[in-house]
Amino acid sequence: MWLYISGGFLSIVAHRNERHNLLVRARHPRHIQALLPDAEVFHLRDADYHFRAVVSRDVVQQALAEYMLTMGYDNFKNSITDNNFHGVCADVWRTMWAYGSRYRNGGE
């Protein structure tokens, strides 16, 4: 799953060898810490996502639930304080807007 939160972008996938854990991956270490401040982040120089953490499914579930329960913004892009990350999210928004515009009239 790709997950955009105010504090960063995460790729969360099932751990290949530990079925009770998830692999939380990011391109910046602070992005993992924004959702999971207690996670032990490690660095893999040659990986697609350089920063990773192995986290139990329960901990990720609780962190996501807490994020949603405490969310106070009514505009995601305006909730982002990191200017570089804001620009990236605006690019994603524009790309998805273009994708969605094809279906604006109810077409498939």
Protein backbone atom coordinates (compact mmCIF):
# COMPACT_ATOMS: atom_id res chain seq x y z
CA MET A 1 0.00 0.00 0.00
CA TRP A 2 1.15 3.51 -0.72
CA LEU A 3 0.24 5.87 2.08
CA TYR A 4 0.47 9.63 2.05
CA ILE A 5 0.22 11.35 5.43
CA SER A 6 1.03 14.94 6.35
CA GLY A 7 4.48 13.86 7.52
CA GLY A 8 5.48 11.75 4.55
CA PHE A 9 5.03 9.02 2.00
CA LEU A 10 5.23 5.35 2.98
CA SER A 11 5.15 2.06 1.15
CA ILE A 12 3.80 -0.63 3.46
CA VAL A 13 3.97 -4.27 2.39
CA ALA A 14 3.75 -7.70 3.99
CA HIS A 15 7.05 -8.93 5.37
CA ARG A 16 8.19 -11.87 3.22
CA ASN A 17 9.35 -14.02 6.12
CA GLU A 18 7.44 -12.74 9.15
CA ARG A 19 3.70 -12.94 8.58
CA HIS A 20 2.84 -10.97 11.72
CA ASN A 21 5.03 -8.05 10.64
CA LEU A 22 4.90 -5.45 7.92
CA LEU A 23 7.79 -3.81 6.13
CA VAL A 24 7.36 -0.04 6.27
CA ARG A 25 9.49 1.64 3.64
CA ALA A 26 10.24 5.28 2.84
CA ARG A 27 12.54 7.50 0.87
CA HIS A 28 13.24 9.70 3.91
CA PRO A 29 13.67 8.36 7.46
CA ARG A 30 11.45 11.09 8.97
CA HIS A 31 8.53 9.80 6.91
CA ILE A 32 8.53 6.51 8.86
CA GLN A 33 8.97 8.36 12.15
CA ALA A 34 6.02 10.63 11.34
CA LEU A 35 3.65 7.67 11.66
CA LEU A 36 5.72 5.32 13.81
CA PRO A 37 7.98 7.39 16.09
CA ASP A 38 9.22 4.37 18.05
CA ALA A 39 10.10 2.25 15.00
CA GLU A 40 13.71 1.20 14.53
CA VAL A 41 14.54 2.57 11.10
CA PHE A 42 17.38 1.00 9.16
CA HIS A 43 19.10 2.08 5.95
CA LEU A 44 19.71 0.03 2.81
CA ARG A 45 21.83 2.03 0.40
CA ASP A 46 21.05 -0.14 -2.66
CA ALA A 47 17.31 -0.55 -2.10
CA ASP A 48 14.54 1.30 -3.93
CA TYR A 49 13.26 2.61 -0.60
CA HIS A 50 16.43 3.37 1.35
CA PHE A 51 14.78 3.55 4.77
CA ARG A 52 12.83 0.69 6.33
CA ALA A 53 11.36 -0.61 9.54
CA VAL A 54 9.92 -3.99 10.45
CA VAL A 55 6.79 -3.32 12.47
CA SER A 56 4.05 -5.59 13.77
CA ARG A 57 0.73 -5.39 11.95
CA ASP A 58 -0.96 -4.46 15.24
CA VAL A 59 1.35 -1.48 15.80
CA VAL A 60 0.80 -0.19 12.26
CA GLN A 61 -2.96 -0.66 12.62
CA GLN A 62 -2.97 1.29 15.90
CA ALA A 63 -0.83 4.08 14.43
CA LEU A 64 -3.13 4.44 11.40
CA ALA A 65 -6.23 4.42 13.60
CA GLU A 66 -4.72 7.10 15.86
CA TYR A 67 -3.78 9.21 12.85
CA MET A 68 -7.34 9.07 11.52
CA LEU A 69 -8.94 9.67 14.91
CA THR A 70 -6.84 12.78 15.57
CA MET A 71 -6.85 14.18 12.02
CA GLY A 72 -7.93 17.80 12.16
CA TYR A 73 -7.26 19.09 8.65
CA ASP A 74 -9.88 19.48 5.96
CA ASN A 75 -7.33 19.87 3.15
CA PHE A 76 -4.51 17.35 2.93
CA LYS A 77 -2.10 19.40 0.83
CA ASN A 78 -2.42 22.35 3.23
CA SER A 79 -1.50 20.07 6.15
CA ILE A 80 1.99 19.43 4.76
CA THR A 81 4.68 21.64 6.30
CA ASP A 82 7.73 20.28 4.41
CA ASN A 83 7.93 22.40 1.24
CA ASN A 84 9.71 19.75 -0.81
CA PHE A 85 7.22 17.05 0.16
CA HIS A 86 4.34 19.48 -0.48
CA GLY A 87 5.57 19.93 -4.06
CA VAL A 88 5.72 16.19 -4.57
CA CYS A 89 2.17 15.76 -3.26
CA ALA A 90 0.95 18.55 -5.54
CA ASP A 91 2.49 16.66 -8.48
CA VAL A 92 0.68 13.49 -7.41
CA TRP A 93 -2.56 15.45 -7.04
CA ARG A 94 -2.20 16.86 -10.59
CA THR A 95 -1.49 13.41 -12.02
CA MET A 96 -4.51 11.89 -10.30
CA TRP A 97 -6.68 14.88 -11.28
CA ALA A 98 -5.77 14.23 -14.93
CA TYR A 99 -6.55 10.54 -14.49
CA GLY A 100 -9.92 11.29 -12.86
CA SER A 101 -10.88 13.87 -15.46
CA ARG A 102 -11.26 11.05 -17.99
CA TYR A 103 -14.13 9.71 -15.88
CA ARG A 104 -15.74 13.02 -14.93
CA ASN A 105 -18.81 12.36 -17.07
CA GLY A 106 -19.43 8.92 -15.53
CA GLY A 107 -17.57 6.93 -18.20
CA GLU A 108 -15.48 3.88 -17.66
